[in-house]
């Protein structure tokens, strides 16, 4: 049986995907590389998404995040409180040291494979978060379909669900490679999410390499 961890197929970034290396994609890839080099402390989201998030974030906001890293440090400095989930112990330990060295307080949670099951552990932990208590939820790691679905009740009315690499999971007309094009292509683990948020107001951003979308809970 395929592990739940394999759902996010990062092999899509592989250089073996030569068919995607059109002149337009190469230009986008170079621009992405230069942006990351110039802004090493910014979250690994599209530039437009970072600008939108910077505008929307308030020092009063409670933020929930799946997948830690640059985004955790950036968010923690701009919001009231941050709950961040990580599923890689080595990376968790590294980031924990980083948070400590910068004096940043984060509710940092490690979820690994266990006898209860990876998805079950995530599900149980998310269930412990109070409903209607989260202003912004960023899904950029873990079993993303499950994390997004279980987080929806936790987000306040008017709150925001942010999904990174959203083109891998939900249908769009983006030019980014490895993208879902039709509703029939939506993976099983994201169908429940899609049925709920498809009627929400949203903003979809792309850098030609990958996409980040904002869904506003009505």
Protein backbone atom coordinates (compact mmCIF):
# COMPACT_ATOMS: atom_id res chain seq x y z
CA UNK A 1 0.00 0.00 0.00
CA UNK A 2 1.28 3.48 -0.84
CA UNK A 3 2.18 5.55 2.18
CA UNK A 4 0.17 8.70 2.83
CA UNK A 5 3.46 10.53 2.83
CA UNK A 6 3.81 9.77 -0.86
CA UNK A 7 0.72 11.79 -1.75
CA UNK A 8 2.71 14.98 -2.33
CA UNK A 9 4.72 13.84 -5.33
CA UNK A 10 7.77 16.07 -5.24
CA UNK A 11 9.23 14.06 -8.12
CA UNK A 12 7.26 16.48 -10.27
CA UNK A 13 10.14 18.90 -9.72
CA UNK A 14 12.56 16.39 -11.23
CA UNK A 15 14.81 17.50 -14.06
CA UNK A 16 13.65 14.37 -15.87
CA UNK A 17 10.48 16.25 -16.77
CA UNK A 18 12.11 17.61 -19.91
CA UNK A 19 8.81 18.14 -21.72
CA UNK A 20 8.10 21.10 -19.42
CA UNK A 21 11.33 22.89 -20.22
CA UNK A 22 9.90 25.30 -22.78
CA UNK A 23 11.46 28.78 -23.25
CA UNK A 24 8.65 30.26 -21.14
CA UNK A 25 9.18 27.77 -18.33
CA UNK A 26 12.96 28.26 -18.38
CA UNK A 27 12.46 32.02 -18.07
CA UNK A 28 10.08 31.49 -15.13
CA UNK A 29 12.52 29.09 -13.49
CA UNK A 30 15.38 31.58 -13.78
CA UNK A 31 13.22 34.37 -12.37
CA UNK A 32 12.23 32.12 -9.49
CA UNK A 33 15.88 31.27 -8.78
CA UNK A 34 16.92 34.93 -8.80
CA UNK A 35 14.03 35.90 -6.53
CA UNK A 36 15.03 33.27 -3.96
CA UNK A 37 18.67 34.37 -4.09
CA UNK A 38 17.70 38.00 -3.57
CA UNK A 39 15.16 37.26 -0.80
CA UNK A 40 16.52 34.31 1.22
CA UNK A 41 14.31 35.05 4.24
CA UNK A 42 10.95 35.14 2.46
CA UNK A 43 8.50 32.21 2.51
CA UNK A 44 8.75 29.69 -0.33
CA UNK A 45 5.52 30.95 -1.93
CA UNK A 46 4.94 32.87 -5.13
CA UNK A 47 6.10 36.52 -4.92
CA UNK A 48 2.53 37.73 -5.43
CA UNK A 49 1.30 35.43 -2.65
CA UNK A 50 3.92 36.82 -0.26
CA UNK A 51 2.79 40.38 -1.02
CA UNK A 52 -0.87 39.44 -0.47
CA UNK A 53 -0.10 37.62 2.77
CA UNK A 54 1.97 40.55 4.04
CA UNK A 55 -1.01 42.82 3.42
CA UNK A 56 -3.59 40.51 4.98
CA UNK A 57 -1.62 39.47 8.08
CA UNK A 58 -2.35 41.26 11.32
CA UNK A 59 -0.45 41.27 14.60
CA UNK A 60 -3.70 39.98 16.15
CA UNK A 61 -3.96 36.92 13.90
CA UNK A 62 -3.68 33.32 15.00
CA UNK A 63 -2.01 31.30 12.25
CA UNK A 64 -1.90 27.55 11.59
CA UNK A 65 0.81 26.15 9.31
CA UNK A 66 1.62 22.74 7.85
CA UNK A 67 5.24 22.49 6.70
CA UNK A 68 7.78 24.60 8.58
CA UNK A 69 10.75 26.63 7.40
CA UNK A 70 11.26 30.16 6.16
CA UNK A 71 7.53 30.74 6.34
CA UNK A 72 7.46 29.90 10.05
CA UNK A 73 10.00 32.58 10.95
CA UNK A 74 8.36 35.12 8.65
CA UNK A 75 4.85 34.43 9.94
CA UNK A 76 5.82 34.33 13.61
CA UNK A 77 7.26 37.85 13.39
CA UNK A 78 3.99 39.19 11.96
CA UNK A 79 1.18 37.40 13.78
CA UNK A 80 -0.06 36.98 17.34
CA UNK A 81 0.53 33.22 17.55
CA UNK A 82 1.60 30.40 15.27
CA UNK A 83 0.97 26.66 15.39
CA UNK A 84 3.34 24.92 13.00
CA UNK A 85 3.39 21.22 12.06
CA UNK A 86 6.42 19.35 10.72
CA UNK A 87 6.79 15.68 9.75
CA UNK A 88 10.56 15.44 9.27
CA UNK A 89 12.42 14.99 12.58
CA UNK A 90 15.78 16.19 11.27
CA UNK A 91 14.25 19.38 9.87
CA UNK A 92 12.16 19.82 13.01
CA UNK A 93 15.27 19.71 15.19
CA UNK A 94 17.08 22.18 12.93
CA UNK A 95 14.18 24.64 12.92
CA UNK A 96 13.67 24.29 16.66
CA UNK A 97 17.26 25.47 17.15
CA UNK A 98 16.64 28.31 14.70
CA UNK A 99 13.54 29.47 16.56
CA UNK A 100 15.42 29.35 19.86
CA UNK A 101 18.43 31.30 18.54
CA UNK A 102 16.14 34.05 17.22
CA UNK A 103 14.03 34.14 20.38
CA UNK A 104 10.83 33.24 18.55
CA UNK A 105 8.08 31.43 20.41
CA UNK A 106 6.10 28.96 18.27
CA UNK A 107 3.76 26.11 19.12
CA UNK A 108 5.87 23.69 17.09
CA UNK A 109 4.53 20.14 16.64
CA UNK A 110 6.28 17.09 15.20
CA UNK A 111 4.09 14.40 13.63
CA UNK A 112 5.87 11.28 12.41
CA UNK A 113 4.86 7.82 11.28
CA UNK A 114 3.56 5.92 14.28
CA UNK A 115 1.81 2.70 15.21
CA UNK A 116 -1.45 4.67 15.01
CA UNK A 117 -0.69 5.79 11.48
CA UNK A 118 0.66 9.02 10.02
CA UNK A 119 -2.70 10.46 8.94
CA UNK A 120 -4.39 9.43 12.19
CA UNK A 121 -1.77 11.30 14.22
CA UNK A 122 -2.25 14.44 12.13
CA UNK A 123 -6.02 14.14 12.33
CA UNK A 124 -6.08 13.73 16.11
CA UNK A 125 -3.74 16.63 16.67
CA UNK A 126 -5.71 18.98 14.41
CA UNK A 127 -8.94 17.96 16.14
CA UNK A 128 -7.51 19.36 19.38
CA UNK A 129 -7.42 22.87 17.89
CA UNK A 130 -10.48 24.92 18.80
CA UNK A 131 -13.04 25.43 16.03
CA UNK A 132 -13.34 28.94 14.56
CA UNK A 133 -10.08 30.01 16.20
CA UNK A 134 -7.70 30.35 13.24
CA UNK A 135 -7.41 33.47 11.09
CA UNK A 136 -5.04 32.10 8.46
CA UNK A 137 -4.10 28.50 7.66
CA UNK A 138 -1.17 27.75 5.34
CA UNK A 139 -1.05 24.23 3.92
CA UNK A 140 2.43 23.53 2.58
CA UNK A 141 3.31 20.12 4.01
CA UNK A 142 2.05 16.96 5.68
CA UNK A 143 -0.81 14.98 4.14
CA UNK A 144 -2.10 18.14 2.48
CA UNK A 145 -5.59 17.01 1.57
CA UNK A 146 -6.25 15.85 5.14
CA UNK A 147 -4.63 18.95 6.66
CA UNK A 148 -6.72 21.28 4.50
CA UNK A 149 -9.95 19.38 5.13
CA UNK A 150 -9.51 19.10 8.90
CA UNK A 151 -8.47 22.75 9.16
CA UNK A 152 -11.56 24.21 7.50
CA UNK A 153 -13.70 24.02 10.69
CA UNK A 154 -10.84 25.60 12.62
CA UNK A 155 -10.78 28.69 10.39
CA UNK A 156 -12.94 31.63 11.42
CA UNK A 157 -15.63 33.06 9.18
CA UNK A 158 -13.75 35.53 7.00
CA UNK A 159 -10.53 33.60 7.62
CA UNK A 160 -8.22 32.37 4.90
CA UNK A 161 -7.05 28.95 3.72
CA UNK A 162 -3.78 29.23 1.80
CA UNK A 163 -2.70 26.22 -0.28
CA UNK A 164 0.79 26.17 -1.76
CA UNK A 165 1.55 24.12 -4.90
CA UNK A 166 -2.22 24.25 -5.32
CA UNK A 167 -1.91 23.54 -9.06
CA UNK A 168 -0.87 19.98 -8.19
CA UNK A 169 -4.16 19.37 -6.43
CA UNK A 170 -7.00 21.57 -7.72
CA UNK A 171 -8.06 22.32 -11.32
CA UNK A 172 -6.98 25.52 -13.02
CA UNK A 173 -5.76 26.99 -16.31
CA UNK A 174 -2.32 27.83 -14.95
CA UNK A 175 0.74 27.45 -17.16
CA UNK A 176 2.76 25.86 -14.33
CA UNK A 177 3.81 22.27 -15.12
CA UNK A 178 2.33 19.12 -13.57
CA UNK A 179 -0.96 20.90 -12.98
CA UNK A 180 -4.45 19.45 -12.55
CA UNK A 181 -6.63 20.68 -15.41
CA UNK A 182 -10.08 19.18 -14.85
CA UNK A 183 -12.29 18.22 -11.92
CA UNK A 184 -11.90 14.55 -12.82
CA UNK A 185 -8.15 14.84 -12.14
CA UNK A 186 -8.58 16.00 -8.54
CA UNK A 187 -6.97 13.35 -6.34
CA UNK A 188 -9.17 11.42 -3.90
CA UNK A 189 -7.56 13.04 -0.86
CA UNK A 190 -8.47 16.52 -2.15
CA UNK A 191 -12.01 15.89 -3.38
CA UNK A 192 -13.60 16.65 -0.03
CA UNK A 193 -11.66 19.91 0.21
CA UNK A 194 -12.58 20.88 -3.34
CA UNK A 195 -16.28 20.28 -2.81
CA UNK A 196 -16.26 22.66 0.16
CA UNK A 197 -14.06 25.48 -1.12
CA UNK A 198 -15.00 25.52 -4.80
CA UNK A 199 -17.72 28.10 -4.06
CA UNK A 200 -15.46 30.29 -1.89
CA UNK A 201 -14.01 33.54 -3.14
CA UNK A 202 -10.36 32.98 -4.01
CA UNK A 203 -7.20 34.55 -5.38
CA UNK A 204 -4.90 32.32 -7.43
CA UNK A 205 -1.26 33.30 -7.94
CA UNK A 206 1.45 31.76 -10.11
CA UNK A 207 5.09 32.32 -10.94
CA UNK A 208 5.08 29.93 -13.89
CA UNK A 209 6.77 27.22 -11.82
CA UNK A 210 4.21 26.60 -9.10
CA UNK A 211 1.10 28.28 -7.69
CA UNK A 212 -0.29 29.52 -4.37
CA UNK A 213 -4.00 30.17 -3.81
CA UNK A 214 -5.99 32.02 -1.12
CA UNK A 215 -9.50 30.80 -0.28
CA UNK A 216 -11.68 33.08 1.84
CA UNK A 217 -14.08 31.29 4.17
CA UNK A 218 -17.61 32.72 3.86
